[in-house]
Amino acid sequence: MSTWALVKTQVKDLETFLRVCDNHGIKISSHSKDRYNLNMKDGSGLATLTQQDNGSWALSYDQDPKYSMFSETYGREGGILMRDYATEVAKNQAFNMGMSLISEDVREDGSIRLILGVAS
């Protein structure tokens, strides 16, 4: 059954999230100052990003992979897209604290392992 739902993870760094979308080949169009439409590069897989009352952004799309190419590609709750967003946010925070990235590995289970060190 097709179910359009919000992803529970809040997007607080819009610039980073839009950059991650671009890295995934997602076409972004501004619908209004508080809403973006996201389309996969082949034109399928519509999702929306809407600003919430608290200033964060919420991703929503049809969560059923039978009906949604976006869900089929990125998974429920944003899956790979939200994983990559969280990774970029963590790296940005580490860099802001003066750390450097030593290595970044994608594990067999799809999680990402970051090894950080003190910048010299």
C-alpha atoms as a PDB file:
ATOM      1  CA  MET A   1       0.000   0.000   0.000  1.00  0.00           C
ATOM      2  CA  SER A   2       1.330   3.399  -0.951  1.00  0.00           C
ATOM      3  CA  THR A   3       2.077   5.528   2.124  1.00  0.00           C
ATOM      4  CA  TRP A   4       3.451   9.073   1.907  1.00  0.00           C
ATOM      5  CA  ALA A   5       5.237   9.765   5.209  1.00  0.00           C
ATOM      6  CA  LEU A   6       7.773  12.024   6.887  1.00  0.00           C
ATOM      7  CA  VAL A   7      11.235  10.698   7.624  1.00  0.00           C
ATOM      8  CA  LYS A   8      11.854  10.881  11.376  1.00  0.00           C
ATOM      9  CA  THR A   9      15.402  12.257  11.086  1.00  0.00           C
ATOM     10  CA  GLN A  10      15.394  16.051  10.997  1.00  0.00           C
ATOM     11  CA  VAL A  11      17.631  17.911   8.580  1.00  0.00           C
ATOM     12  CA  LYS A  12      19.233  20.810  10.417  1.00  0.00           C
ATOM     13  CA  ASP A  13      21.996  21.679   7.933  1.00  0.00           C
ATOM     14  CA  LEU A  14      20.160  22.426   4.684  1.00  0.00           C
ATOM     15  CA  GLU A  15      23.302  23.266   2.689  1.00  0.00           C
ATOM     16  CA  THR A  16      24.919  19.927   3.569  1.00  0.00           C
ATOM     17  CA  PHE A  17      21.747  17.976   2.803  1.00  0.00           C
ATOM     18  CA  LEU A  18      21.330  19.637  -0.609  1.00  0.00           C
ATOM     19  CA  ARG A  19      25.007  18.886  -1.399  1.00  0.00           C
ATOM     20  CA  VAL A  20      24.462  15.209  -0.472  1.00  0.00           C
ATOM     21  CA  CYS A  21      21.387  15.135  -2.729  1.00  0.00           C
ATOM     22  CA  ASP A  22      23.454  16.594  -5.567  1.00  0.00           C
ATOM     23  CA  ASN A  23      26.147  13.935  -4.982  1.00  0.00           C
ATOM     24  CA  HIS A  24      23.424  11.294  -5.388  1.00  0.00           C
ATOM     25  CA  GLY A  25      22.251  12.854  -8.652  1.00  0.00           C
ATOM     26  CA  ILE A  26      19.020  14.160  -7.162  1.00  0.00           C
ATOM     27  CA  LYS A  27      17.643  17.172  -8.978  1.00  0.00           C
ATOM     28  CA  ILE A  28      16.522  19.887  -6.565  1.00  0.00           C
ATOM     29  CA  SER A  29      14.010  22.591  -7.367  1.00  0.00           C
ATOM     30  CA  SER A  30      12.784  25.260  -5.006  1.00  0.00           C
ATOM     31  CA  HIS A  31       9.012  25.181  -4.734  1.00  0.00           C
ATOM     32  CA  SER A  32       8.970  28.093  -2.250  1.00  0.00           C
ATOM     33  CA  LYS A  33      11.257  29.519   0.441  1.00  0.00           C
ATOM     34  CA  ASP A  34      10.231  26.739   2.821  1.00  0.00           C
ATOM     35  CA  ARG A  35       9.869  23.802   0.439  1.00  0.00           C
ATOM     36  CA  TYR A  36      12.058  21.968  -2.065  1.00  0.00           C
ATOM     37  CA  ASN A  37      11.100  19.251  -4.524  1.00  0.00           C
ATOM     38  CA  LEU A  38      13.616  16.458  -5.033  1.00  0.00           C
ATOM     39  CA  ASN A  39      13.602  14.277  -8.148  1.00  0.00           C
ATOM     40  CA  MET A  40      15.882  11.448  -9.097  1.00  0.00           C
ATOM     41  CA  LYS A  41      17.994  12.160 -12.179  1.00  0.00           C
ATOM     42  CA  ASP A  42      15.699  10.131 -14.446  1.00  0.00           C
ATOM     43  CA  GLY A  43      12.675  12.199 -13.348  1.00  0.00           C
ATOM     44  CA  SER A  44      11.177   9.493 -11.160  1.00  0.00           C
ATOM     45  CA  GLY A  45      11.125   9.279  -7.407  1.00  0.00           C
ATOM     46  CA  LEU A  46       9.594  12.506  -6.153  1.00  0.00           C
ATOM     47  CA  ALA A  47      10.260  13.612  -2.560  1.00  0.00           C
ATOM     48  CA  THR A  48       9.756  16.898  -0.740  1.00  0.00           C
ATOM     49  CA  LEU A  49      11.809  18.755   1.827  1.00  0.00           C
ATOM     50  CA  THR A  50       9.715  21.112   3.954  1.00  0.00           C
ATOM     51  CA  GLN A  51      10.826  23.552   6.638  1.00  0.00           C
ATOM     52  CA  GLN A  52       9.269  22.843  10.025  1.00  0.00           C
ATOM     53  CA  ASP A  53       8.170  25.355  12.669  1.00  0.00           C
ATOM     54  CA  ASN A  54      11.389  24.721  14.655  1.00  0.00           C
ATOM     55  CA  GLY A  55      13.543  25.677  11.635  1.00  0.00           C
ATOM     56  CA  SER A  56      14.649  22.144  10.762  1.00  0.00           C
ATOM     57  CA  TRP A  57      13.697  20.456   7.495  1.00  0.00           C
ATOM     58  CA  ALA A  58      11.661  17.268   7.055  1.00  0.00           C
ATOM     59  CA  LEU A  59      11.996  14.857   4.135  1.00  0.00           C
ATOM     60  CA  SER A  60       8.819  13.126   2.992  1.00  0.00           C
ATOM     61  CA  TYR A  61       8.083  10.656   0.224  1.00  0.00           C
ATOM     62  CA  ASP A  62       6.084   7.550  -0.559  1.00  0.00           C
ATOM     63  CA  GLN A  63       7.646   4.882   1.676  1.00  0.00           C
ATOM     64  CA  ASP A  64       6.418   1.904  -0.374  1.00  0.00           C
ATOM     65  CA  PRO A  65       9.109   0.706  -2.828  1.00  0.00           C
ATOM     66  CA  LYS A  66       6.398  -0.859  -5.029  1.00  0.00           C
ATOM     67  CA  TYR A  67       5.105   2.632  -5.804  1.00  0.00           C
ATOM     68  CA  SER A  68       8.129   4.854  -5.246  1.00  0.00           C
ATOM     69  CA  MET A  69      11.466   4.730  -7.061  1.00  0.00           C
ATOM     70  CA  PHE A  70      12.804   7.095  -4.389  1.00  0.00           C
ATOM     71  CA  SER A  71      11.941   4.570  -1.671  1.00  0.00           C
ATOM     72  CA  GLU A  72      13.264   1.677  -3.739  1.00  0.00           C
ATOM     73  CA  THR A  73      16.586   3.468  -4.235  1.00  0.00           C
ATOM     74  CA  TYR A  74      17.115   5.099  -0.828  1.00  0.00           C
ATOM     75  CA  GLY A  75      15.057   2.887   1.478  1.00  0.00           C
ATOM     76  CA  ARG A  76      12.604   3.651   4.232  1.00  0.00           C
ATOM     77  CA  GLU A  77      13.317   6.614   6.478  1.00  0.00           C
ATOM     78  CA  GLY A  78      15.730   8.033   3.906  1.00  0.00           C
ATOM     79  CA  GLY A  79      18.153   5.116   4.253  1.00  0.00           C
ATOM     80  CA  ILE A  80      21.323   5.741   2.274  1.00  0.00           C
ATOM     81  CA  LEU A  81      20.554   9.426   1.750  1.00  0.00           C
ATOM     82  CA  MET A  82      20.160  10.138   5.477  1.00  0.00           C
ATOM     83  CA  ARG A  83      23.210   7.973   6.250  1.00  0.00           C
ATOM     84  CA  ASP A  84      25.317  10.074   3.903  1.00  0.00           C
ATOM     85  CA  TYR A  85      23.857  13.301   5.327  1.00  0.00           C
ATOM     86  CA  ALA A  86      24.702  12.197   8.886  1.00  0.00           C
ATOM     87  CA  THR A  87      28.227  11.278   7.773  1.00  0.00           C
ATOM     88  CA  GLU A  88      28.797  14.701   6.205  1.00  0.00           C
ATOM     89  CA  VAL A  89      27.437  16.481   9.295  1.00  0.00           C
ATOM     90  CA  ALA A  90      29.761  14.437  11.530  1.00  0.00           C
ATOM     91  CA  LYS A  91      32.760  15.248   9.311  1.00  0.00           C
ATOM     92  CA  ASN A  92      31.860  18.971   9.278  1.00  0.00           C
ATOM     93  CA  GLN A  93      31.601  19.024  13.075  1.00  0.00           C
ATOM     94  CA  ALA A  94      34.928  17.211  13.427  1.00  0.00           C
ATOM     95  CA  PHE A  95      36.649  19.629  11.043  1.00  0.00           C
ATOM     96  CA  ASN A  96      35.187  22.577  12.980  1.00  0.00           C
ATOM     97  CA  MET A  97      36.764  21.119  16.151  1.00  0.00           C
ATOM     98  CA  GLY A  98      40.163  20.983  14.433  1.00  0.00           C
ATOM     99  CA  MET A  99      40.163  17.279  13.613  1.00  0.00           C
ATOM    100  CA  SER A 100      41.158  15.632  10.358  1.00  0.00           C
ATOM    101  CA  LEU A 101      39.705  12.657   8.523  1.00  0.00           C
ATOM    102  CA  ILE A 102      42.110   9.729   8.553  1.00  0.00           C
ATOM    103  CA  SER A 103      39.853   7.242   6.777  1.00  0.00           C
ATOM    104  CA  GLU A 104      36.266   6.622   5.750  1.00  0.00           C
ATOM    105  CA  ASP A 105      35.069   3.094   5.067  1.00  0.00           C
ATOM    106  CA  VAL A 106      31.709   1.695   4.022  1.00  0.00           C
ATOM    107  CA  ARG A 107      31.156  -1.549   5.914  1.00  0.00           C
ATOM    108  CA  GLU A 108      29.437  -4.665   4.576  1.00  0.00           C
ATOM    109  CA  ASP A 109      26.239  -3.767   6.447  1.00  0.00           C
ATOM    110  CA  GLY A 110      26.160  -0.361   4.712  1.00  0.00           C
ATOM    111  CA  SER A 111      27.212   1.673   7.736  1.00  0.00           C
ATOM    112  CA  ILE A 112      30.082   4.124   7.452  1.00  0.00           C
ATOM    113  CA  ARG A 113      33.098   4.122   9.746  1.00  0.00           C
ATOM    114  CA  LEU A 114      34.988   7.362  10.153  1.00  0.00           C
ATOM    115  CA  ILE A 115      38.424   7.474  11.741  1.00  0.00           C
ATOM    116  CA  LEU A 116      39.308  10.962  12.877  1.00  0.00           C
ATOM    117  CA  GLY A 117      42.491  12.375  14.288  1.00  0.00           C
ATOM    118  CA  VAL A 118      43.814  15.585  15.701  1.00  0.00           C
ATOM    119  CA  ALA A 119      44.846  17.859  12.866  1.00  0.00           C
ATOM    120  CA  SER A 120      48.554  18.602  12.890  1.00  0.00           C
END
